[in-house]
Structure formats: C-alpha cells, structure tokens
Amino acid sequence: MNARRQPNGAAARLNGAPPALNGTANPLNGTRPPRAILFDWDNTLIDSWVTIHEARNHLMRAMGQPERSLDQTKADARLSLRESFPLLFGDRWEEARDIYLGHFRAIHLDRLAALPGRELMLRSLAELGVFLGVVSNKTGPLLRREVERLGWSGLFGSVIGAGDASADKPACEPVHLALSESGVPPGEEVWFVGDTALDMQCAMNSGCVAVLLGEAANPEEFARFAPRLSFTDGTSLFRSLEGLRIHGGGPSS
C-alpha cells in the first residue's frame, strides 16, 4: 500500500430537499467547505466497464460458467474480489481471482481512459487546496498502476484499493486509512464521491458526506443509501466548491 501526501482541502449540506437523482445538481447551503474529497475510481473517474466485463467473461469461460450480461457484471463488481468471489465461486474463489487478475492485468492499461472532464476537475480541486484521495474496491496495486499511467499520482494524497485496509468498501476502514495522513478526520468536512449506492453506503458508514457524481442509471438503487449531494459532471461539482470561495476562490475551469 502506498499513501502519498499532497498539499490539498472539504462539507456542505443540501437545503433539506431530497437528493435529486435525475441528473440535476442539488443546491448547496454549505456551512463549511470540504477539506478533503475522496473519490471512487471505476466509472467515477475512469471509464472501465468494458474492460472489467471482458475480464469477467474470460473468467466465466475458464470456470465453465455462463457468460454474464453487462448488467450482471456491474452488480457482481460492486464488492471487492475478496468479498464477492467466495459468494460466486465458493471454494474455488482464489483460483478464480488469479484467472481474473491475470487477464485484467494483460489488458487494463492499454484500455485505460479517464471520463470526460475528470482530469480538469481534479486539477482544479487541487488548486483550491483540497486534499484529494481515492478509495476503490479495485485491487490496490492495480489501482495505483492506473493512477500512475494517467499521470495523476501527484494529485492524490492517498490511493487506497482493495486489500490495503483490514476491510474493503462499504466498510469505513479504507476511508480512515485514506485520511490518515491528511490531518482531516472523517466527518462533515470530508466528501466521499462515487457513482453507486455502495459508495454512498461507504460514505455514511464513515460519517462523511455522500456525493453522487454522474447520472444515476437506476435511481431505485439509492433508496436505502441516498446521496446528500448529486452532480451530473465534474464541472458542476467544482463550481459548487468554487462558489464556496475556498481560500478566496479558484480557477474557473
């Protein structure tokens, strides 16, 4: 595991209305700006479903099981491998893990692509002085390899993947580890930004502000773990913070 320091700042609240899951950003009546923002990785900052889906179906063929639809892959991939594979493959889960990771390692860097606008969002947030980190259920070494390939290592004070903490998302342990060198305790001054209900659950388990980034493909998914804030894209997220005048303002991306 490799946690990196970066001089980086994060909490605001909704106006009491229920979270908007239709792509409209929720309004802010924030009291304190966030001092730290933790991001999920896959399909929050990078576009990875095609790669994950291919590696999963390679695994299914190798294990003599039917291939999965993309929707099934998305459901299976919410949890980390050490959480989900014993449920899917029983006593053969470690064999399945090795097959999956072997194929994934062979293809993931060549297909790695940031989601539109995410790099500008991250660089703009870093200029505001916000501590930025990643908390993902992707295996830690693979995650850090991807961060490095994109040239983003210097943007993050911590990059925490599955297996780095004693438990994986939605448990609070990876959030605590990600914040351990930030000087910011878990709480209202930390936003946890993701694209799934599992991310919102992780935020709530950690006592942080749950933030949905992107369109909610299935709003019903968030019935139990609704985001406090919702943004359609990185520009709207950044502008909401810029409007809080963190440290006197920031770049207008």
C-alpha atoms as a PDB file:
ATOM      1  CA  MET A   1       0.000   0.000   0.000  1.00  0.00           C
ATOM      2  CA  ASN A   2       1.253   3.442  -0.859  1.00  0.00           C
ATOM      3  CA  ALA A   3      -0.257   6.592   0.595  1.00  0.00           C
ATOM      4  CA  ARG A   4       1.147   9.795  -0.867  1.00  0.00           C
ATOM      5  CA  ARG A   5       0.963  13.293   0.637  1.00  0.00           C
ATOM      6  CA  GLN A   6      -0.191  16.231  -1.434  1.00  0.00           C
ATOM      7  CA  PRO A   7      -0.884  19.713  -0.070  1.00  0.00           C
ATOM      8  CA  ASN A   8      -4.507  19.579  -0.721  1.00  0.00           C
ATOM      9  CA  GLY A   9      -8.962  20.942   1.411  1.00  0.00           C
ATOM     10  CA  ALA A  10     -13.989  19.564   2.070  1.00  0.00           C
ATOM     11  CA  ALA A  11     -18.552  19.732   3.724  1.00  0.00           C
ATOM     12  CA  ALA A  12     -21.592  21.327   2.571  1.00  0.00           C
ATOM     13  CA  ARG A  13     -25.201  20.369   3.007  1.00  0.00           C
ATOM     14  CA  LEU A  14     -28.291  20.083   0.974  1.00  0.00           C
ATOM     15  CA  ASN A  15     -31.082  22.525   1.601  1.00  0.00           C
ATOM     16  CA  GLY A  16     -33.213  19.830   3.208  1.00  0.00           C
ATOM     17  CA  ALA A  17     -34.818  18.680  -0.044  1.00  0.00           C
ATOM     18  CA  PRO A  18     -34.457  15.019  -1.020  1.00  0.00           C
ATOM     19  CA  PRO A  19     -31.442  14.272  -3.221  1.00  0.00           C
ATOM     20  CA  ALA A  20     -32.023  14.731  -6.937  1.00  0.00           C
ATOM     21  CA  LEU A  21     -31.148  11.585  -8.857  1.00  0.00           C
ATOM     22  CA  ASN A  22     -32.289  12.822 -12.250  1.00  0.00           C
ATOM     23  CA  GLY A  23     -29.000  14.468 -13.121  1.00  0.00           C
ATOM     24  CA  THR A  24     -29.789  17.864 -11.614  1.00  0.00           C
ATOM     25  CA  ALA A  25     -27.210  19.090  -9.140  1.00  0.00           C
ATOM     26  CA  ASN A  26     -28.576  19.582  -5.667  1.00  0.00           C
ATOM     27  CA  PRO A  27     -28.302  23.141  -4.341  1.00  0.00           C
ATOM     28  CA  LEU A  28     -25.831  23.877  -1.558  1.00  0.00           C
ATOM     29  CA  ASN A  29     -26.382  25.869   1.590  1.00  0.00           C
ATOM     30  CA  GLY A  30     -22.964  24.814   2.849  1.00  0.00           C
ATOM     31  CA  THR A  31     -21.620  25.942   6.164  1.00  0.00           C
ATOM     32  CA  ARG A  32     -18.031  24.656   5.974  1.00  0.00           C
ATOM     33  CA  PRO A  33     -16.269  23.845   2.713  1.00  0.00           C
ATOM     34  CA  PRO A  34     -14.778  20.357   2.389  1.00  0.00           C
ATOM     35  CA  ARG A  35     -11.180  19.993   3.455  1.00  0.00           C
ATOM     36  CA  ALA A  36     -10.865  16.549   1.865  1.00  0.00           C
ATOM     37  CA  ILE A  37     -12.586  14.759  -1.010  1.00  0.00           C
ATOM     38  CA  LEU A  38     -12.268  11.012  -1.525  1.00  0.00           C
ATOM     39  CA  PHE A  39     -13.220   9.564  -4.892  1.00  0.00           C
ATOM     40  CA  ASP A  40     -14.266   6.140  -6.019  1.00  0.00           C
ATOM     41  CA  TRP A  41     -12.243   5.155  -9.102  1.00  0.00           C
ATOM     42  CA  ASP A  42     -14.011   2.923 -11.622  1.00  0.00           C
ATOM     43  CA  ASN A  43     -16.737   4.766 -13.518  1.00  0.00           C
ATOM     44  CA  THR A  44     -16.392   7.754 -11.200  1.00  0.00           C
ATOM     45  CA  LEU A  45     -13.065   8.986 -12.567  1.00  0.00           C
ATOM     46  CA  ILE A  46     -12.295   6.452 -15.310  1.00  0.00           C
ATOM     47  CA  ASP A  47     -14.351   4.510 -17.868  1.00  0.00           C
ATOM     48  CA  SER A  48     -13.698   0.847 -17.126  1.00  0.00           C
ATOM     49  CA  TRP A  49     -16.855  -1.253 -17.535  1.00  0.00           C
ATOM     50  CA  VAL A  50     -15.868  -2.706 -20.932  1.00  0.00           C
ATOM     51  CA  THR A  51     -12.501  -3.867 -19.566  1.00  0.00           C
ATOM     52  CA  ILE A  52     -13.991  -5.312 -16.375  1.00  0.00           C
ATOM     53  CA  HIS A  53     -16.732  -7.040 -18.362  1.00  0.00           C
ATOM     54  CA  GLU A  54     -14.276  -8.667 -20.763  1.00  0.00           C
ATOM     55  CA  ALA A  55     -12.071  -9.917 -17.917  1.00  0.00           C
ATOM     56  CA  ARG A  56     -15.108 -11.238 -16.017  1.00  0.00           C
ATOM     57  CA  ASN A  57     -16.385 -13.191 -19.009  1.00  0.00           C
ATOM     58  CA  HIS A  58     -12.919 -14.572 -19.689  1.00  0.00           C
ATOM     59  CA  LEU A  59     -13.074 -15.852 -16.109  1.00  0.00           C
ATOM     60  CA  MET A  60     -16.572 -17.307 -16.547  1.00  0.00           C
ATOM     61  CA  ARG A  61     -15.475 -19.280 -19.606  1.00  0.00           C
ATOM     62  CA  ALA A  62     -12.394 -20.551 -17.774  1.00  0.00           C
ATOM     63  CA  MET A  63     -14.540 -21.631 -14.815  1.00  0.00           C
ATOM     64  CA  GLY A  64     -17.086 -23.365 -17.051  1.00  0.00           C
ATOM     65  CA  GLN A  65     -19.865 -20.949 -16.166  1.00  0.00           C
ATOM     66  CA  PRO A  66     -22.219 -18.977 -18.446  1.00  0.00           C
ATOM     67  CA  GLU A  67     -21.069 -15.561 -19.524  1.00  0.00           C
ATOM     68  CA  ARG A  68     -22.647 -12.609 -17.733  1.00  0.00           C
ATOM     69  CA  SER A  69     -24.514  -9.687 -19.176  1.00  0.00           C
ATOM     70  CA  LEU A  70     -23.045  -6.241 -18.632  1.00  0.00           C
ATOM     71  CA  ASP A  71     -25.721  -5.516 -16.012  1.00  0.00           C
ATOM     72  CA  GLN A  72     -24.793  -8.707 -14.162  1.00  0.00           C
ATOM     73  CA  THR A  73     -21.121  -7.759 -14.303  1.00  0.00           C
ATOM     74  CA  LYS A  74     -21.913  -4.350 -12.847  1.00  0.00           C
ATOM     75  CA  ALA A  75     -23.830  -5.956  -9.981  1.00  0.00           C
ATOM     76  CA  ASP A  76     -21.078  -8.517  -9.322  1.00  0.00           C
ATOM     77  CA  ALA A  77     -18.297  -5.936  -9.398  1.00  0.00           C
ATOM     78  CA  ARG A  78     -19.648  -3.640  -6.681  1.00  0.00           C
ATOM     79  CA  LEU A  79     -17.837  -5.519  -3.930  1.00  0.00           C
ATOM     80  CA  SER A  80     -14.113  -6.273  -3.850  1.00  0.00           C
ATOM     81  CA  LEU A  81     -12.828  -9.623  -5.110  1.00  0.00           C
ATOM     82  CA  ARG A  82     -12.225 -10.937  -1.603  1.00  0.00           C
ATOM     83  CA  GLU A  83     -15.831 -10.098  -0.707  1.00  0.00           C
ATOM     84  CA  SER A  84     -17.626 -11.170  -3.891  1.00  0.00           C
ATOM     85  CA  PHE A  85     -15.648 -14.116  -5.287  1.00  0.00           C
ATOM     86  CA  PRO A  86     -16.291 -16.507  -2.352  1.00  0.00           C
ATOM     87  CA  LEU A  87     -20.009 -15.904  -2.940  1.00  0.00           C
ATOM     88  CA  LEU A  88     -19.702 -16.536  -6.680  1.00  0.00           C
ATOM     89  CA  PHE A  89     -17.159 -19.370  -6.782  1.00  0.00           C
ATOM     90  CA  GLY A  90     -17.153 -20.985  -3.331  1.00  0.00           C
ATOM     91  CA  ASP A  91     -14.005 -22.965  -2.536  1.00  0.00           C
ATOM     92  CA  ARG A  92     -12.547 -22.120  -5.967  1.00  0.00           C
ATOM     93  CA  TRP A  93     -12.610 -18.372  -5.374  1.00  0.00           C
ATOM     94  CA  GLU A  94      -8.827 -17.981  -5.105  1.00  0.00           C
ATOM     95  CA  GLU A  95      -8.360 -19.840  -8.389  1.00  0.00           C
ATOM     96  CA  ALA A  96     -10.996 -17.579  -9.946  1.00  0.00           C
ATOM     97  CA  ARG A  97      -9.282 -14.484  -8.532  1.00  0.00           C
ATOM     98  CA  ASP A  98      -5.958 -15.450 -10.099  1.00  0.00           C
ATOM     99  CA  ILE A  99      -7.540 -16.096 -13.504  1.00  0.00           C
ATOM    100  CA  TYR A 100      -9.428 -12.816 -13.436  1.00  0.00           C
ATOM    101  CA  LEU A 101      -6.477 -10.718 -12.287  1.00  0.00           C
ATOM    102  CA  GLY A 102      -4.160 -12.341 -14.814  1.00  0.00           C
ATOM    103  CA  HIS A 103      -6.415 -11.391 -17.718  1.00  0.00           C
ATOM    104  CA  PHE A 104      -7.210  -7.969 -16.302  1.00  0.00           C
ATOM    105  CA  ARG A 105      -3.521  -7.125 -15.874  1.00  0.00           C
ATOM    106  CA  ALA A 106      -2.913  -8.039 -19.511  1.00  0.00           C
ATOM    107  CA  ILE A 107      -5.448  -5.550 -20.894  1.00  0.00           C
ATOM    108  CA  HIS A 108      -6.297  -2.788 -18.424  1.00  0.00           C
ATOM    109  CA  LEU A 109      -3.517  -0.261 -19.025  1.00  0.00           C
ATOM    110  CA  ASP A 110      -3.905  -0.297 -22.804  1.00  0.00           C
ATOM    111  CA  ARG A 111      -7.615   0.478 -22.449  1.00  0.00           C
ATOM    112  CA  LEU A 112      -7.386   2.949 -19.609  1.00  0.00           C
ATOM    113  CA  ALA A 113      -9.351   6.148 -20.248  1.00  0.00           C
ATOM    114  CA  ALA A 114     -10.391   8.987 -17.982  1.00  0.00           C
ATOM    115  CA  LEU A 115     -14.018  10.062 -18.083  1.00  0.00           C
ATOM    116  CA  PRO A 116     -14.548  13.392 -19.855  1.00  0.00           C
ATOM    117  CA  GLY A 117     -13.643  16.413 -17.756  1.00  0.00           C
ATOM    118  CA  ARG A 118     -12.367  14.461 -14.766  1.00  0.00           C
ATOM    119  CA  GLU A 119      -8.716  15.457 -15.056  1.00  0.00           C
ATOM    120  CA  LEU A 120      -9.596  19.163 -15.258  1.00  0.00           C
ATOM    121  CA  MET A 121     -11.893  18.739 -12.250  1.00  0.00           C
ATOM    122  CA  LEU A 122      -9.152  17.078 -10.197  1.00  0.00           C
ATOM    123  CA  ARG A 123      -6.502  19.623 -11.108  1.00  0.00           C
ATOM    124  CA  SER A 124      -8.877  22.495 -10.341  1.00  0.00           C
ATOM    125  CA  LEU A 125      -9.788  20.993  -6.964  1.00  0.00           C
ATOM    126  CA  ALA A 126      -6.104  20.501  -6.127  1.00  0.00           C
ATOM    127  CA  GLU A 127      -5.505  24.184  -6.899  1.00  0.00           C
ATOM    128  CA  LEU A 128      -8.178  25.036  -4.335  1.00  0.00           C
ATOM    129  CA  GLY A 129      -6.096  23.283  -1.676  1.00  0.00           C
ATOM    130  CA  VAL A 130      -8.443  20.342  -1.154  1.00  0.00           C
ATOM    131  CA  PHE A 131      -6.856  17.077  -0.011  1.00  0.00           C
ATOM    132  CA  LEU A 132      -7.764  14.513  -2.672  1.00  0.00           C
ATOM    133  CA  GLY A 133      -7.739  10.742  -2.303  1.00  0.00           C
ATOM    134  CA  VAL A 134      -9.031   7.584  -3.941  1.00  0.00           C
ATOM    135  CA  VAL A 135     -10.862   4.746  -2.179  1.00  0.00           C
ATOM    136  CA  SER A 136     -11.672   1.884  -4.534  1.00  0.00           C
ATOM    137  CA  ASN A 137     -12.584  -1.781  -4.458  1.00  0.00           C
ATOM    138  CA  LYS A 138     -10.094  -2.375  -7.264  1.00  0.00           C
ATOM    139  CA  THR A 139      -7.073  -4.324  -6.040  1.00  0.00           C
ATOM    140  CA  GLY A 140      -4.571  -1.838  -4.595  1.00  0.00           C
ATOM    141  CA  PRO A 141      -1.516  -2.456  -6.826  1.00  0.00           C
ATOM    142  CA  LEU A 142      -3.663  -2.419  -9.998  1.00  0.00           C
ATOM    143  CA  LEU A 143      -5.335   0.788  -8.875  1.00  0.00           C
ATOM    144  CA  ARG A 144      -2.055   2.579  -8.235  1.00  0.00           C
ATOM    145  CA  ARG A 145      -0.688   1.404 -11.577  1.00  0.00           C
ATOM    146  CA  GLU A 146      -3.655   3.019 -13.312  1.00  0.00           C
ATOM    147  CA  VAL A 147      -3.290   6.262 -11.357  1.00  0.00           C
ATOM    148  CA  GLU A 148       0.376   6.386 -12.339  1.00  0.00           C
ATOM    149  CA  ARG A 149      -0.331   5.621 -16.017  1.00  0.00           C
ATOM    150  CA  LEU A 150      -2.733   8.573 -16.205  1.00  0.00           C
ATOM    151  CA  GLY A 151      -0.120  10.859 -14.642  1.00  0.00           C
ATOM    152  CA  TRP A 152      -2.360  11.601 -11.662  1.00  0.00           C
ATOM    153  CA  SER A 153      -0.173  10.347  -8.816  1.00  0.00           C
ATOM    154  CA  GLY A 154       0.764  13.881  -7.776  1.00  0.00           C
ATOM    155  CA  LEU A 155      -2.892  14.894  -7.470  1.00  0.00           C
ATOM    156  CA  PHE A 156      -3.737  12.424  -4.703  1.00  0.00           C
ATOM    157  CA  GLY A 157      -2.571  12.392  -1.111  1.00  0.00           C
ATOM    158  CA  SER A 158      -3.670   8.762  -0.790  1.00  0.00           C
ATOM    159  CA  VAL A 159      -4.685   5.960  -3.139  1.00  0.00           C
ATOM    160  CA  ILE A 160      -6.340   3.074  -1.290  1.00  0.00           C
ATOM    161  CA  GLY A 161      -7.550  -0.076  -3.016  1.00  0.00           C
ATOM    162  CA  ALA A 162      -8.998  -3.423  -2.036  1.00  0.00           C
ATOM    163  CA  GLY A 163      -6.736  -5.306   0.337  1.00  0.00           C
ATOM    164  CA  ASP A 164      -4.928  -2.217   1.625  1.00  0.00           C
ATOM    165  CA  ALA A 165      -7.138  -1.853   4.714  1.00  0.00           C
ATOM    166  CA  SER A 166      -8.453  -4.549   7.028  1.00  0.00           C
ATOM    167  CA  ALA A 167     -11.822  -4.394   5.207  1.00  0.00           C
ATOM    168  CA  ASP A 168     -12.991  -3.020   1.862  1.00  0.00           C
ATOM    169  CA  LYS A 169     -15.858  -0.694   0.864  1.00  0.00           C
ATOM    170  CA  PRO A 170     -18.527  -0.221   2.115  1.00  0.00           C
ATOM    171  CA  ALA A 171     -16.696  -0.599   5.438  1.00  0.00           C
ATOM    172  CA  CYS A 172     -15.208   2.541   6.961  1.00  0.00           C
ATOM    173  CA  GLU A 173     -11.660   1.198   7.299  1.00  0.00           C
ATOM    174  CA  PRO A 174     -10.381   2.212   3.828  1.00  0.00           C
ATOM    175  CA  VAL A 175     -11.742   5.736   4.355  1.00  0.00           C
ATOM    176  CA  HIS A 176      -9.923   6.002   7.684  1.00  0.00           C
ATOM    177  CA  LEU A 177      -6.719   4.782   6.030  1.00  0.00           C
ATOM    178  CA  ALA A 178      -7.090   7.223   3.139  1.00  0.00           C
ATOM    179  CA  LEU A 179      -7.470  10.132   5.571  1.00  0.00           C
ATOM    180  CA  SER A 180      -4.771   9.011   7.988  1.00  0.00           C
ATOM    181  CA  GLU A 181      -2.097  11.340   6.536  1.00  0.00           C
ATOM    182  CA  SER A 182      -4.440  14.192   5.622  1.00  0.00           C
ATOM    183  CA  GLY A 183      -4.929  15.758   9.024  1.00  0.00           C
ATOM    184  CA  VAL A 184      -8.683  15.689   8.346  1.00  0.00           C
ATOM    185  CA  PRO A 185     -10.836  13.323  10.428  1.00  0.00           C
ATOM    186  CA  PRO A 186     -13.820  11.517   8.866  1.00  0.00           C
ATOM    187  CA  GLY A 187     -16.908  13.664   9.152  1.00  0.00           C
ATOM    188  CA  GLU A 188     -18.744  16.629   7.688  1.00  0.00           C
ATOM    189  CA  GLU A 189     -15.560  18.127   6.268  1.00  0.00           C
ATOM    190  CA  VAL A 190     -14.997  15.116   4.016  1.00  0.00           C
ATOM    191  CA  TRP A 191     -16.912  14.354   0.825  1.00  0.00           C
ATOM    192  CA  PHE A 192     -16.974  10.791  -0.479  1.00  0.00           C
ATOM    193  CA  VAL A 193     -17.731  10.935  -4.214  1.00  0.00           C
ATOM    194  CA  GLY A 194     -18.892   7.899  -6.183  1.00  0.00           C
ATOM    195  CA  ASP A 195     -21.315   6.522  -8.722  1.00  0.00           C
ATOM    196  CA  THR A 196     -23.053   3.684  -6.845  1.00  0.00           C
ATOM    197  CA  ALA A 197     -25.153   3.110  -3.755  1.00  0.00           C
ATOM    198  CA  LEU A 198     -22.219   1.146  -2.320  1.00  0.00           C
ATOM    199  CA  ASP A 199     -20.187   4.363  -2.401  1.00  0.00           C
ATOM    200  CA  MET A 200     -22.981   6.248  -0.649  1.00  0.00           C
ATOM    201  CA  GLN A 201     -23.149   3.482   1.965  1.00  0.00           C
ATOM    202  CA  CYS A 202     -19.389   3.733   2.482  1.00  0.00           C
ATOM    203  CA  ALA A 203     -19.709   7.487   2.993  1.00  0.00           C
ATOM    204  CA  MET A 204     -22.461   7.004   5.569  1.00  0.00           C
ATOM    205  CA  ASN A 205     -20.572   4.240   7.362  1.00  0.00           C
ATOM    206  CA  SER A 206     -17.632   6.627   7.616  1.00  0.00           C
ATOM    207  CA  GLY A 207     -19.682   9.625   8.746  1.00  0.00           C
ATOM    208  CA  CYS A 208     -18.734  11.568   5.598  1.00  0.00           C
ATOM    209  CA  VAL A 209     -20.872  13.482   3.110  1.00  0.00           C
ATOM    210  CA  ALA A 210     -22.180  11.150   0.382  1.00  0.00           C
ATOM    211  CA  VAL A 211     -21.884  12.689  -3.095  1.00  0.00           C
ATOM    212  CA  LEU A 212     -23.159  11.133  -6.322  1.00  0.00           C
ATOM    213  CA  LEU A 213     -21.207  12.069  -9.451  1.00  0.00           C
ATOM    214  CA  GLY A 214     -22.830  11.287 -12.813  1.00  0.00           C
ATOM    215  CA  GLU A 215     -26.240  10.179 -13.977  1.00  0.00           C
ATOM    216  CA  ALA A 216     -28.000   7.615 -11.796  1.00  0.00           C
ATOM    217  CA  ALA A 217     -28.802   4.794 -14.215  1.00  0.00           C
ATOM    218  CA  ASN A 218     -31.056   3.144 -11.649  1.00  0.00           C
ATOM    219  CA  PRO A 219     -32.404   5.619  -9.057  1.00  0.00           C
ATOM    220  CA  GLU A 220     -34.033   2.760  -7.115  1.00  0.00           C
ATOM    221  CA  GLU A 221     -30.513   1.595  -6.249  1.00  0.00           C
ATOM    222  CA  PHE A 222     -30.220   4.591  -3.919  1.00  0.00           C
ATOM    223  CA  ALA A 223     -33.423   4.001  -1.959  1.00  0.00           C
ATOM    224  CA  ARG A 224     -31.545   2.947   1.188  1.00  0.00           C
ATOM    225  CA  PHE A 225     -28.369   4.958   0.720  1.00  0.00           C
ATOM    226  CA  ALA A 226     -29.302   8.249  -0.877  1.00  0.00           C
ATOM    227  CA  PRO A 227     -26.600  10.819  -1.633  1.00  0.00           C
ATOM    228  CA  ARG A 228     -26.544  14.086   0.255  1.00  0.00           C
ATOM    229  CA  LEU A 229     -25.414  15.872  -2.916  1.00  0.00           C
ATOM    230  CA  SER A 230     -25.675  14.992  -6.591  1.00  0.00           C
ATOM    231  CA  PHE A 231     -23.751  16.403  -9.562  1.00  0.00           C
ATOM    232  CA  THR A 232     -24.067  15.495 -13.224  1.00  0.00           C
ATOM    233  CA  ASP A 233     -20.417  16.118 -14.025  1.00  0.00           C
ATOM    234  CA  GLY A 234     -17.099  17.294 -12.683  1.00  0.00           C
ATOM    235  CA  THR A 235     -17.619  20.877 -13.786  1.00  0.00           C
ATOM    236  CA  SER A 236     -20.763  21.290 -11.677  1.00  0.00           C
ATOM    237  CA  LEU A 237     -19.030  19.687  -8.675  1.00  0.00           C
ATOM    238  CA  PHE A 238     -16.049  22.002  -8.989  1.00  0.00           C
ATOM    239  CA  ARG A 239     -18.146  25.116  -9.496  1.00  0.00           C
ATOM    240  CA  SER A 240     -20.147  24.337  -6.361  1.00  0.00           C
ATOM    241  CA  LEU A 241     -16.917  24.380  -4.374  1.00  0.00           C
ATOM    242  CA  GLU A 242     -15.588  27.395  -6.194  1.00  0.00           C
ATOM    243  CA  GLY A 243     -18.767  29.181  -5.189  1.00  0.00           C
ATOM    244  CA  LEU A 244     -17.950  28.482  -1.537  1.00  0.00           C
ATOM    245  CA  ARG A 245     -14.826  30.625  -2.066  1.00  0.00           C
ATOM    246  CA  ILE A 246     -12.421  28.109  -0.598  1.00  0.00           C
ATOM    247  CA  HIS A 247      -9.267  30.022   0.259  1.00  0.00           C
ATOM    248  CA  GLY A 248     -10.592  33.052  -1.583  1.00  0.00           C
ATOM    249  CA  GLY A 249     -11.513  31.338  -4.839  1.00  0.00           C
ATOM    250  CA  GLY A 250     -10.066  29.109  -7.520  1.00  0.00           C
ATOM    251  CA  PRO A 251      -9.764  28.683 -11.242  1.00  0.00           C
ATOM    252  CA  SER A 252     -12.901  28.933 -13.320  1.00  0.00           C
ATOM    253  CA  SER A 253     -12.496  25.806 -15.415  1.00  0.00           C
END
